[in-house]
Structure formats: structure tokens, C-alpha cells
């Protein structure tokens, strides 16, 4: 295999990154990567456990002289968010990623997510497990499944094979920033039942395009356009003057990504298709102005369309109403930590299933009580509108520990290495740190990682120079842990 990253360091970690990038591992499809990791461990004579959910734990004894020290847990997730550009041909069940290096030294992928979230963690662990010249305490490398769809793998783990009481989590990028807190959250699912009727009227296709998207936690405060909400506003404005039925509606791909695209076909019943086009253009102009400084690429494409069937008028009106009124975006900012979003929600996915349209909404907050309260607001809006609603996928917050010893050690090593002060980071995104803190009471946790960006989008990247520095920091921390008594 010819490696795109040949000539870059650390060579072994980057080769492992490319190896796993060749294995399809979208959330829920981790059987292949779990089997690969099991063989990787067995080929090196390491203890390995794979559970029924494709979570993987690989253990490595401490290096000479460090065998009897307390173990440390290294942790990351196997799965990636399967986002791609509309014109990119990629089968997430079969195809590996096509990696590229930009002129400014960033690793990215051609038309798809890169999977650095959380491929860097897996490749770091593989390199540490593979090397025999490192100084380190006993290692418990925990690689979870289905993280990107609600921390599912971690929440289903039993913890029976984990003995470590300190954890270095590696799903927390930003060189020099060390994760000390993250949000909890849940998912709200709304179903609008419908019946099909024979299509009639003038058909219009409405497509929202050109938005940047992004992580629905870490980027929710940046006022990126939400394609589902934009489409809802367009439909609502049309409904003020035109009578129509919805023939189809979809938007977004993952609940934890701000949706970039949304599509709808409507059948106009009262001969006002020309006016509908005018309303769409007027609404697009308004929203483009509103997003001029945060997401300036918005395009709304309108074409004639046809359909054999459409939704009944009551369901159509209910969908227009919900698409318009559902809250979205940052709800509260933190008054304790500057720049931190304290509560938000994201209308992430709209799909059509057999007999109903479903909304998937992600709710996040550093306060479990706010997660519950916001979800209940959405629930009440849905049921008042005559829809079905359920709340699930709840995961706990990772609360700040001012006395964390592992975080102090990591930040001390960082300062000694770089001469710079590290920064304590709190993120408005769900991490498995909260799950593991609940699973293993008293677990001391810190998160670290390289500079990267564009998570959950086809523009995802990692800076290769930073990738090396973050890996070197990890090795120095493991070495320093051998000095602790």
C-alpha cells in the first residue's frame, strides 16, 4: 500500500491512520474495524476483549520497571460521521476514504469526512501498543463504537475489563487545550403521521444548498445556517399566500451535525406557483443577509417538479408548522466559562419513513437539568401540534474537577515542553468522558489532541505538524507517569 503521508512523522501512527481509513467504519458499521483491531492485538500477543457492541479493549503490560504501577486508560472511538458532498460518489458500507494532503500541510479527504474524529486517537493508541521502546505504565486502550450517534457503545459497556482510575481521552482536539468538562444531552424524536393522496397541482422542487454545517455542539454558537430551519421558514412564508401539499421532505444526515442541505417537493393547489417562486426568492434574500457574516454561501434552488402522490393536507400543514416553530441553536451561554455555550438544540435530521415524517433533534447542556427541561419544551411543542414524540439517548455530562491530578500532570508536561501555559477547555459537545466517569466512580480524566477542524463535514482536516506534537506530548506524559509513586 502506498501511503499518502509518507515522509511525515510519526510515520507509524500515520500509517495506522491510513490503514484504518481504508476500513469502512461509519457509526453502526464497526464490525470490520473491531475485527481488525482484535487481530492487531492478537498478532502482538496483547490481551484483547471485544464485546457484542464492537467495543474493543486492548491491554499492554507496563514497560520494564513500570509493570506494577497503576494502569492508565487511553480512550477514543472507532466510528466516524459519514458526511459527504452531494456530488461525491461514496458507499459508506464498502468504500475506504481517499486521503489527501493540502499545500499547507493538512491531511483531509476527497469529498468526505476525514475521520480524524476520532481516527487520530485510534492511530495514537495503535502506535503506542506497537512500539517496544517506550516507557509507560500498564495501558488499557479502550476503543468504543457508535460514539457519533449518542455515545452508544460507551453507554453499553460493562466496565468489567477496566481497572484504571485515570484516563487520557483523545476526542478533544485543540493543541494546548486540555478537556476538563463536556456537555450531557439527549435526542428528541418527533413523528408526524401522514396518508398519501394522489398528487395534483403544480409541482415545485426546493433545495437548500451551500451552507457550511459543522458540529452541532462545538459550532452551534457560530450561527451557521440550519438547512432544515431555513426550509421550514421558506415553507411557512409560502403557506401565508399559497395552498400546497408536501410530496417529499428530507434534510440533514446526522443529528450531531448542523444540517447543510434540505430538499422538498410541494404541489401547489391554487395556481400560485409563480407567487411561490417570488416568496422563495424574497426569503432567500432575507436569510442570505442575516447569514452574511456567518454562513454566506446559502443558495436556494427552485425547479418544476412532478409527483405521483403527496401527503394529505393536514399532515402537510402540521409539518410546515413544526418546521417553522421548532426551536434551534444556542439557548444559553455559560456565565462561568467565557465563550462556552451552556445549552442548545439542533434540528439535525428530517426523514420520510413509511407513513410518517420524522425529526431528530439533539439537545445539549453542561447541566443535566437543562437537558431535561429543553427536551420537555420540544416534547410539548410536538404533542400540542398533534405529532408523536419520544425522548431517548440520554448521556451524562462530564463535570469539572478542580483537583484533577492527571490534568495537572499533562499541563505541567506541556509547559515544560513548549514553554507555554496550557488552557483548560470545556466543550459544548457530548464526550464519552461523562459516560466513563459515571461507569467508573472517581475516574480522573483529561482530554488532549491535535489541531483539527471541520469535524462532521467533508471539509474536516488535521494539521500534520500538530498531529506529531500532540503524539509526542502523549508519549512524554506516559513516560512521566512512570515517575509517579
Protein backbone atom coordinates (compact mmCIF):
# COMPACT_ATOMS: atom_id res chain seq x y z
CA UNK A 1 0.00 0.00 0.00
CA UNK A 2 1.36 3.43 -0.94
CA UNK A 3 0.89 5.86 1.91
CA UNK A 4 -0.15 9.45 1.25
CA UNK A 5 1.62 10.55 4.46
CA UNK A 6 4.98 9.02 3.56
CA UNK A 7 7.75 11.32 4.75
CA UNK A 8 5.70 12.78 7.60
CA UNK A 9 6.16 11.91 11.28
CA UNK A 10 5.25 9.97 13.34
CA UNK A 11 5.45 7.55 10.43
CA UNK A 12 3.98 4.54 12.25
CA UNK A 13 0.97 6.40 13.71
CA UNK A 14 0.20 7.97 10.34
CA UNK A 15 0.44 4.61 8.57
CA UNK A 16 -2.01 3.21 11.08
CA UNK A 17 -4.29 6.21 10.44
CA UNK A 18 -4.27 5.40 6.73
CA UNK A 19 -4.80 1.70 7.39
CA UNK A 20 -7.96 2.28 9.40
CA UNK A 21 -9.13 4.91 6.88
CA UNK A 22 -9.31 2.09 4.32
CA UNK A 23 -11.85 0.26 6.51
CA UNK A 24 -15.50 1.48 6.38
CA UNK A 25 -16.42 2.48 9.92
CA UNK A 26 -19.42 4.76 9.86
CA UNK A 27 -21.38 4.69 13.10
CA UNK A 28 -23.17 1.37 13.45
CA UNK A 29 -20.83 -0.36 11.00
CA UNK A 30 -17.87 -1.06 13.27
CA UNK A 31 -17.70 -4.86 12.96
CA UNK A 32 -14.93 -4.66 10.38
CA UNK A 33 -12.75 -2.22 12.30
CA UNK A 34 -13.35 -4.13 15.57
CA UNK A 35 -12.20 -7.37 13.92
CA UNK A 36 -9.18 -5.56 12.53
CA UNK A 37 -8.24 -4.25 15.99
CA UNK A 38 -8.70 -7.70 17.51
CA UNK A 39 -6.27 -9.20 15.00
CA UNK A 40 -3.88 -6.29 15.53
CA UNK A 41 -3.76 -7.08 19.24
CA UNK A 42 -3.51 -10.86 18.82
CA UNK A 43 -0.66 -10.50 16.31
CA UNK A 44 1.29 -8.69 19.03
CA UNK A 45 0.40 -11.05 21.84
CA UNK A 46 -1.69 -8.48 23.65
CA UNK A 47 -4.76 -9.12 25.78
CA UNK A 48 -7.88 -8.05 23.87
CA UNK A 49 -11.61 -8.02 24.60
CA UNK A 50 -14.33 -7.30 22.03
CA UNK A 51 -17.91 -7.12 23.25
CA UNK A 52 -21.17 -7.68 21.38
CA UNK A 53 -21.37 -3.96 20.57
CA UNK A 54 -17.92 -3.91 18.90
CA UNK A 55 -16.25 -2.05 21.74
CA UNK A 56 -12.58 -3.05 21.91
CA UNK A 57 -10.23 -3.07 24.92
CA UNK A 58 -6.55 -3.86 24.37
CA UNK A 59 -4.21 -4.17 27.33
CA UNK A 60 -0.44 -3.84 27.33
CA UNK A 61 1.76 -4.51 30.38
CA UNK A 62 3.88 -1.69 31.71
CA UNK A 63 7.40 -1.33 30.36
CA UNK A 64 10.36 -2.66 32.29
CA UNK A 65 10.37 -1.18 35.78
CA UNK A 66 6.82 0.17 35.39
CA UNK A 67 4.94 -3.13 35.47
CA UNK A 68 3.44 -2.68 38.94
CA UNK A 69 2.33 0.93 38.58
CA UNK A 70 -1.37 1.83 38.45
CA UNK A 71 -2.70 1.47 34.90
CA UNK A 72 -3.76 4.37 32.72
CA UNK A 73 -6.64 4.25 30.30
CA UNK A 74 -6.24 5.67 26.79
CA UNK A 75 -9.58 6.18 25.10
CA UNK A 76 -11.08 7.04 21.73
CA UNK A 77 -13.88 5.89 19.43
CA UNK A 78 -13.75 3.71 16.34
CA UNK A 79 -16.61 5.22 14.34
CA UNK A 80 -16.81 8.31 12.16
CA UNK A 81 -19.58 10.60 10.91
CA UNK A 82 -20.45 9.58 7.30
CA UNK A 83 -20.88 13.00 5.71
CA UNK A 84 -20.08 13.61 2.03
CA UNK A 85 -20.65 16.25 -0.58
CA UNK A 86 -23.79 15.80 -2.67
CA UNK A 87 -21.80 15.12 -5.83
CA UNK A 88 -19.32 12.72 -4.21
CA UNK A 89 -19.80 9.05 -5.04
CA UNK A 90 -19.02 7.09 -1.89
CA UNK A 91 -20.56 3.91 -0.46
CA UNK A 92 -20.08 4.12 3.29
CA UNK A 93 -20.68 0.39 3.67
CA UNK A 94 -17.89 -0.57 1.26
CA UNK A 95 -15.54 2.26 0.41
CA UNK A 96 -12.47 3.46 2.24
CA UNK A 97 -11.58 7.13 2.43
CA UNK A 98 -9.47 8.90 -0.18
CA UNK A 99 -6.90 10.91 1.77
CA UNK A 100 -5.05 14.00 0.53
CA UNK A 101 -2.52 16.48 1.89
CA UNK A 102 -3.07 20.18 1.26
CA UNK A 103 -0.34 22.62 0.34
CA UNK A 104 -0.29 23.95 3.91
CA UNK A 105 0.34 20.52 5.46
CA UNK A 106 -3.15 19.44 6.43
CA UNK A 107 -4.47 15.93 6.00
CA UNK A 108 -8.00 15.82 4.59
CA UNK A 109 -10.24 13.59 2.48
CA UNK A 110 -11.68 13.97 -1.01
CA UNK A 111 -15.36 14.90 -0.70
CA UNK A 112 -15.99 13.09 2.61
CA UNK A 113 -15.29 13.42 6.29
CA UNK A 114 -11.68 12.57 7.17
CA UNK A 115 -12.45 10.53 10.26
CA UNK A 116 -9.79 12.32 12.30
CA UNK A 117 -12.68 12.45 14.75
CA UNK A 118 -11.61 10.06 16.17
CA UNK A 119 -9.07 8.34 13.94
CA UNK A 120 -6.15 10.19 15.49
CA UNK A 121 -6.92 8.58 18.85
CA UNK A 122 -7.03 5.07 17.38
CA UNK A 123 -3.81 5.60 15.43
CA UNK A 124 -2.04 7.02 18.50
CA UNK A 125 -3.08 4.00 20.56
CA UNK A 126 -2.01 1.60 17.84
CA UNK A 127 1.46 3.18 17.66
CA UNK A 128 1.86 3.05 21.45
CA UNK A 129 0.73 -0.58 21.52
CA UNK A 130 3.03 -1.49 18.63
CA UNK A 131 6.22 0.12 19.90
CA UNK A 132 8.51 -1.73 22.30
CA UNK A 133 10.90 1.12 23.10
CA UNK A 134 8.56 3.29 25.17
CA UNK A 135 8.45 3.86 28.91
CA UNK A 136 4.89 3.64 30.21
CA UNK A 137 2.68 2.19 32.96
CA UNK A 138 0.25 -0.63 32.18
CA UNK A 139 -2.11 0.52 29.43
CA UNK A 140 -5.81 -0.11 28.91
CA UNK A 141 -6.69 1.14 25.43
CA UNK A 142 -10.46 1.48 25.16
CA UNK A 143 -11.94 1.93 21.67
CA UNK A 144 -15.68 2.40 21.59
CA UNK A 145 -18.35 2.04 18.92
CA UNK A 146 -21.27 4.24 17.85
CA UNK A 147 -19.98 7.32 19.65
CA UNK A 148 -21.26 9.66 16.97
CA UNK A 149 -24.86 8.51 17.30
CA UNK A 150 -25.25 9.07 21.01
CA UNK A 151 -22.22 7.54 22.76
CA UNK A 152 -23.99 4.22 22.34
CA UNK A 153 -21.01 1.87 22.63
CA UNK A 154 -19.66 3.50 25.78
CA UNK A 155 -23.10 3.53 27.39
CA UNK A 156 -23.44 -0.21 26.75
CA UNK A 157 -20.04 -1.16 28.20
CA UNK A 158 -19.95 -3.13 31.42
CA UNK A 159 -16.57 -1.89 32.62
CA UNK A 160 -15.56 -5.35 33.83
CA UNK A 161 -12.24 -5.24 31.97
CA UNK A 162 -11.30 -1.71 33.01
CA UNK A 163 -9.25 -1.30 36.19
CA UNK A 164 -7.68 2.10 35.52
CA UNK A 165 -8.64 5.05 37.71
CA UNK A 166 -7.18 7.68 35.40
CA UNK A 167 -7.97 8.31 31.78
CA UNK A 168 -6.47 10.24 28.88
CA UNK A 169 -9.32 10.82 26.46
CA UNK A 170 -8.40 11.57 22.88
CA UNK A 171 -11.55 13.00 21.38
CA UNK A 172 -10.69 16.55 22.36
CA UNK A 173 -8.71 18.37 19.73
CA UNK A 174 -7.03 21.73 20.03
CA UNK A 175 -3.32 21.59 20.78
CA UNK A 176 -2.53 23.17 24.14
CA UNK A 177 -6.14 22.91 25.27
CA UNK A 178 -6.98 20.16 27.72
CA UNK A 179 -10.54 18.93 28.11
CA UNK A 180 -11.88 19.25 31.63
CA UNK A 181 -15.66 19.30 31.09
CA UNK A 182 -18.23 18.44 28.44
CA UNK A 183 -21.96 18.57 27.94
CA UNK A 184 -24.57 15.94 28.54
CA UNK A 185 -27.51 15.56 26.21
CA UNK A 186 -30.25 13.54 24.61
CA UNK A 187 -32.20 13.09 21.39
CA UNK A 188 -35.81 14.07 20.77
CA UNK A 189 -37.68 12.25 18.00
CA UNK A 190 -40.86 13.71 16.53
CA UNK A 191 -43.10 11.73 14.17
CA UNK A 192 -45.79 13.29 12.04
CA UNK A 193 -48.09 10.56 10.63
CA UNK A 194 -49.46 11.06 7.14
CA UNK A 195 -51.55 9.41 4.45
CA UNK A 196 -50.74 9.59 0.78
CA UNK A 197 -53.25 11.00 -1.68
CA UNK A 198 -52.99 11.26 -5.45
CA UNK A 199 -50.80 14.17 -6.46
CA UNK A 200 -52.31 17.14 -8.26
CA UNK A 201 -51.40 20.75 -8.81
CA UNK A 202 -48.20 22.49 -9.87
CA UNK A 203 -45.03 20.91 -8.52
CA UNK A 204 -42.02 22.84 -7.21
CA UNK A 205 -38.72 21.37 -6.04
CA UNK A 206 -36.98 23.44 -3.33
CA UNK A 207 -33.38 22.62 -2.43
CA UNK A 208 -31.30 24.38 0.23
CA UNK A 209 -27.57 24.26 -0.56
CA UNK A 210 -24.26 26.00 0.07
CA UNK A 211 -24.23 26.01 3.87
CA UNK A 212 -21.10 25.17 5.85
CA UNK A 213 -22.60 22.91 8.52
CA UNK A 214 -20.40 21.76 11.38
CA UNK A 215 -20.50 20.07 14.76
CA UNK A 216 -23.84 20.73 16.39
CA UNK A 217 -22.18 21.21 19.77
CA UNK A 218 -18.83 22.83 19.16
CA UNK A 219 -20.07 25.15 16.39
CA UNK A 220 -23.67 25.84 17.42
CA UNK A 221 -22.74 29.30 18.77
CA UNK A 222 -21.31 30.37 15.39
CA UNK A 223 -24.79 31.00 13.87
CA UNK A 224 -24.31 28.64 10.94
CA UNK A 225 -27.38 28.24 8.80
CA UNK A 226 -29.53 25.20 9.56
CA UNK A 227 -30.96 23.88 6.28
CA UNK A 228 -33.98 22.29 7.96
CA UNK A 229 -34.94 25.53 9.69
CA UNK A 230 -34.32 27.56 6.53
CA UNK A 231 -36.56 25.22 4.55
CA UNK A 232 -39.17 25.46 7.31
CA UNK A 233 -39.13 29.24 7.12
CA UNK A 234 -39.49 29.13 3.34
CA UNK A 235 -42.46 26.76 3.54
CA UNK A 236 -44.09 28.84 6.25
CA UNK A 237 -43.76 32.01 4.17
CA UNK A 238 -45.21 30.27 1.13
CA UNK A 239 -48.13 28.98 3.21
CA UNK A 240 -49.20 32.54 4.04
CA UNK A 241 -50.31 33.08 0.44
CA UNK A 242 -50.37 29.68 -1.29
CA UNK A 243 -52.16 26.42 -0.58
CA UNK A 244 -49.99 23.36 -1.11
CA UNK A 245 -49.35 19.77 -0.13
CA UNK A 246 -45.92 18.36 0.60
CA UNK A 247 -44.91 15.49 -1.68
CA UNK A 248 -41.50 14.83 -0.06
CA UNK A 249 -39.21 16.42 2.51
CA UNK A 250 -35.75 15.48 3.78
CA UNK A 251 -32.84 17.32 5.36
CA UNK A 252 -29.56 16.67 7.14
CA UNK A 253 -27.76 13.39 7.67
CA UNK A 254 -26.75 13.17 11.34
CA UNK A 255 -28.27 14.62 14.48
CA UNK A 256 -24.90 15.81 15.75
CA UNK A 257 -24.13 17.78 12.60
CA UNK A 258 -25.66 21.14 11.71
CA UNK A 259 -27.55 20.23 8.52
CA UNK A 260 -26.15 21.70 5.32
CA UNK A 261 -28.77 20.56 2.82
CA UNK A 262 -32.53 20.07 2.73
CA UNK A 263 -34.94 19.10 -0.05
CA UNK A 264 -38.67 19.39 -0.52
CA UNK A 265 -41.21 18.93 -3.29
CA UNK A 266 -44.52 20.72 -2.90
CA UNK A 267 -47.68 20.55 -5.01
CA UNK A 268 -49.40 23.94 -5.23
CA UNK A 269 -53.19 23.71 -5.43
CA UNK A 270 -54.40 27.21 -6.21
CA UNK A 271 -52.44 28.27 -9.29
CA UNK A 272 -49.99 30.43 -7.36
CA UNK A 273 -46.73 28.73 -8.31
CA UNK A 274 -45.34 31.96 -9.76
CA UNK A 275 -46.03 33.78 -6.50
CA UNK A 276 -44.46 30.91 -4.55
CA UNK A 277 -41.27 31.35 -6.56
CA UNK A 278 -41.25 35.04 -5.70
CA UNK A 279 -41.70 34.28 -2.00
CA UNK A 280 -38.84 31.78 -2.10
CA UNK A 281 -36.55 34.36 -3.72
CA UNK A 282 -37.58 37.02 -1.19
CA UNK A 283 -36.98 34.67 1.75
CA UNK A 284 -33.62 33.57 0.36
CA UNK A 285 -32.55 37.20 0.09
CA UNK A 286 -33.57 37.87 3.69
CA UNK A 287 -31.72 34.87 5.06
CA UNK A 288 -28.62 35.49 2.95
CA UNK A 289 -28.44 38.95 4.51
CA UNK A 290 -28.87 37.52 8.00
CA UNK A 291 -26.10 34.97 7.42
CA UNK A 292 -23.74 37.33 5.59
CA UNK A 293 -21.12 37.20 8.33
CA UNK A 294 -21.56 33.61 9.50
CA UNK A 295 -22.56 31.39 6.55
CA UNK A 296 -22.56 33.37 3.33
CA UNK A 297 -22.84 30.54 0.81
CA UNK A 298 -26.60 29.91 1.04
CA UNK A 299 -28.33 29.01 -2.22
CA UNK A 300 -31.99 28.02 -2.64
CA UNK A 301 -32.54 26.16 -5.89
CA UNK A 302 -36.07 26.02 -7.34
CA UNK A 303 -37.26 23.87 -10.24
CA UNK A 304 -40.50 22.49 -11.58
CA UNK A 305 -41.26 19.01 -10.29
CA UNK A 306 -43.78 16.22 -10.56
CA UNK A 307 -45.02 13.55 -8.17
CA UNK A 308 -47.41 10.64 -8.27
CA UNK A 309 -48.53 11.06 -4.68
CA UNK A 310 -48.44 13.68 -1.94
CA UNK A 311 -49.14 13.94 1.77
CA UNK A 312 -52.64 14.73 2.94
CA UNK A 313 -53.23 18.41 3.64
CA UNK A 314 -53.48 18.06 7.45
CA UNK A 315 -50.09 16.36 7.68
CA UNK A 316 -48.58 18.88 5.26
CA UNK A 317 -49.78 21.78 7.38
CA UNK A 318 -48.51 20.12 10.56
CA UNK A 319 -45.05 19.62 9.04
CA UNK A 320 -44.90 23.22 7.87
CA UNK A 321 -45.89 24.38 11.35
CA UNK A 322 -43.32 22.22 13.15
CA UNK A 323 -40.52 23.01 10.72
CA UNK A 324 -41.17 26.68 11.42
CA UNK A 325 -41.69 26.73 15.21
CA UNK A 326 -39.21 24.16 16.49
CA UNK A 327 -36.51 25.99 18.47
CA UNK A 328 -32.94 25.68 17.24
CA UNK A 329 -29.48 26.95 18.11
CA UNK A 330 -27.84 28.30 21.25
CA UNK A 331 -30.31 28.69 24.11
CA UNK A 332 -27.99 29.86 26.92
CA UNK A 333 -24.34 30.81 27.24
CA UNK A 334 -22.17 29.97 30.22
CA UNK A 335 -21.58 32.79 32.68
CA UNK A 336 -18.79 30.80 34.36
CA UNK A 337 -16.57 29.95 31.37
CA UNK A 338 -16.11 32.60 28.71
CA UNK A 339 -17.15 31.55 25.22
CA UNK A 340 -18.86 28.32 26.31
CA UNK A 341 -22.39 27.52 25.19
CA UNK A 342 -24.35 26.24 28.17
CA UNK A 343 -27.44 24.91 26.39
CA UNK A 344 -28.52 24.36 22.80
CA UNK A 345 -30.51 22.19 20.45
CA UNK A 346 -30.13 21.26 16.79
CA UNK A 347 -32.91 20.27 14.40
CA UNK A 348 -30.48 17.90 12.73
CA UNK A 349 -32.37 15.43 10.55
CA UNK A 350 -35.71 15.28 8.76
CA UNK A 351 -36.56 11.97 7.09
CA UNK A 352 -39.56 10.37 5.43
CA UNK A 353 -40.36 6.85 6.56
CA UNK A 354 -43.33 4.66 5.70
CA UNK A 355 -46.33 6.63 6.93
CA UNK A 356 -44.58 9.43 8.83
CA UNK A 357 -42.08 12.26 8.66
CA UNK A 358 -39.52 12.19 11.48
CA UNK A 359 -37.47 14.96 13.06
CA UNK A 360 -34.32 14.11 15.02
CA UNK A 361 -33.28 16.87 17.43
CA UNK A 362 -30.12 16.92 19.54
CA UNK A 363 -30.27 18.67 22.93
CA UNK A 364 -27.08 19.54 24.86
CA UNK A 365 -26.14 21.24 28.11
CA UNK A 366 -23.48 21.14 30.81
CA UNK A 367 -26.42 20.91 33.24
CA UNK A 368 -28.43 17.70 33.16
CA UNK A 369 -31.48 19.63 34.40
CA UNK A 370 -31.37 21.91 31.34
CA UNK A 371 -31.11 18.93 29.01
CA UNK A 372 -34.29 17.57 30.54
CA UNK A 373 -36.09 20.93 30.51
CA UNK A 374 -35.31 21.81 26.89
CA UNK A 375 -36.26 18.33 25.71
CA UNK A 376 -39.59 18.70 27.51
CA UNK A 377 -40.20 22.04 25.77
CA UNK A 378 -39.70 20.36 22.40
CA UNK A 379 -41.93 17.48 23.51
CA UNK A 380 -44.76 19.86 24.43
CA UNK A 381 -44.47 21.74 21.13
CA UNK A 382 -44.69 18.46 19.23
CA UNK A 383 -47.66 16.94 21.04
CA UNK A 384 -49.54 20.25 21.01
CA UNK A 385 -49.13 20.22 17.24
CA UNK A 386 -50.66 16.73 17.10
CA UNK A 387 -47.40 14.83 16.49
CA UNK A 388 -45.90 11.86 18.29
CA UNK A 389 -42.76 12.46 20.35
CA UNK A 390 -40.20 10.48 22.33
CA UNK A 391 -37.00 11.33 24.21
CA UNK A 392 -34.02 8.96 24.33
CA UNK A 393 -30.28 8.51 24.02
CA UNK A 394 -29.58 10.44 27.22
CA UNK A 395 -25.92 10.69 28.21
CA UNK A 396 -24.36 12.36 31.26
CA UNK A 397 -22.22 15.48 31.46
CA UNK A 398 -18.51 15.37 32.35
CA UNK A 399 -18.39 17.84 35.21
CA UNK A 400 -15.31 19.89 36.06
CA UNK A 401 -12.94 18.55 38.73
CA UNK A 402 -10.73 21.38 40.05
CA UNK A 403 -8.38 18.89 41.71
CA UNK A 404 -7.67 16.57 38.76
CA UNK A 405 -4.14 15.13 39.14
CA UNK A 406 -3.94 13.71 35.63
CA UNK A 407 -4.89 17.08 34.12
CA UNK A 408 -2.25 18.87 36.23
CA UNK A 409 0.41 16.38 35.13
CA UNK A 410 -0.44 16.75 31.45
CA UNK A 411 -0.45 20.54 31.67
CA UNK A 412 2.87 20.54 33.55
CA UNK A 413 4.47 18.38 30.86
CA UNK A 414 3.04 20.61 28.16
CA UNK A 415 4.51 23.73 29.78
CA UNK A 416 7.91 22.10 30.27
CA UNK A 417 7.93 21.01 26.63
CA UNK A 418 6.66 24.16 24.96
CA UNK A 419 7.23 26.94 27.47
CA UNK A 420 3.54 27.80 27.13
CA UNK A 421 0.69 27.58 29.60
CA UNK A 422 -1.96 25.06 28.67
CA UNK A 423 -5.61 26.06 28.61
CA UNK A 424 -8.39 24.24 30.41
CA UNK A 425 -11.14 23.52 27.89
CA UNK A 426 -14.82 22.90 28.41
CA UNK A 427 -16.78 21.91 25.31
CA UNK A 428 -20.42 22.09 24.40
CA UNK A 429 -20.42 18.64 22.95
CA UNK A 430 -21.09 15.19 24.28
CA UNK A 431 -18.00 13.17 25.06
CA UNK A 432 -17.56 9.71 26.42
CA UNK A 433 -15.74 11.18 29.41
CA UNK A 434 -19.05 11.69 31.19
CA UNK A 435 -20.11 8.11 30.46
CA UNK A 436 -16.87 6.69 31.80
CA UNK A 437 -16.97 8.95 34.86
CA UNK A 438 -20.42 7.52 35.63
CA UNK A 439 -19.25 3.96 34.87
CA UNK A 440 -16.10 4.22 36.99
CA UNK A 441 -16.72 6.49 40.00
CA UNK A 442 -13.73 8.64 40.84
CA UNK A 443 -12.15 8.25 37.39
CA UNK A 444 -9.66 11.10 36.88
CA UNK A 445 -9.92 12.36 33.29
CA UNK A 446 -8.15 14.75 30.93
CA UNK A 447 -8.56 15.12 27.18
CA UNK A 448 -5.97 16.11 24.59
CA UNK A 449 -5.48 16.15 20.83
CA UNK A 450 -4.01 17.94 17.80
CA UNK A 451 -5.26 20.98 15.92
CA UNK A 452 -8.06 19.94 13.59
CA UNK A 453 -11.23 21.41 12.17
CA UNK A 454 -14.35 20.87 10.10
CA UNK A 455 -15.48 17.92 12.21
CA UNK A 456 -18.58 16.15 10.84
CA UNK A 457 -18.21 17.83 7.43
CA UNK A 458 -16.39 16.99 4.17
CA UNK A 459 -14.03 19.87 4.99
CA UNK A 460 -12.59 18.03 8.00
CA UNK A 461 -8.82 18.33 8.41
CA UNK A 462 -5.94 17.74 10.83
CA UNK A 463 -2.70 19.68 10.86
CA UNK A 464 0.11 17.15 10.39
CA UNK A 465 2.69 19.12 12.36
CA UNK A 466 0.25 19.39 15.26
CA UNK A 467 -0.60 15.69 14.93
CA UNK A 468 3.07 14.92 15.63
CA UNK A 469 3.37 17.35 18.55
CA UNK A 470 0.23 16.00 20.26
CA UNK A 471 1.54 12.45 19.87
CA UNK A 472 4.93 13.44 21.30
CA UNK A 473 3.14 15.03 24.26
CA UNK A 474 1.24 11.78 24.88
CA UNK A 475 4.50 9.80 24.92
CA UNK A 476 6.10 12.24 27.38
CA UNK A 477 3.06 12.05 29.65
CA UNK A 478 3.20 8.24 29.64
CA UNK A 479 6.90 8.41 30.47
CA UNK A 480 6.27 10.87 33.32
CA UNK A 481 3.56 8.64 34.78
CA UNK A 482 6.29 6.07 35.40
CA UNK A 483 7.95 8.52 37.82
CA UNK A 484 4.84 8.78 39.99
CA UNK A 485 4.69 6.63 43.09
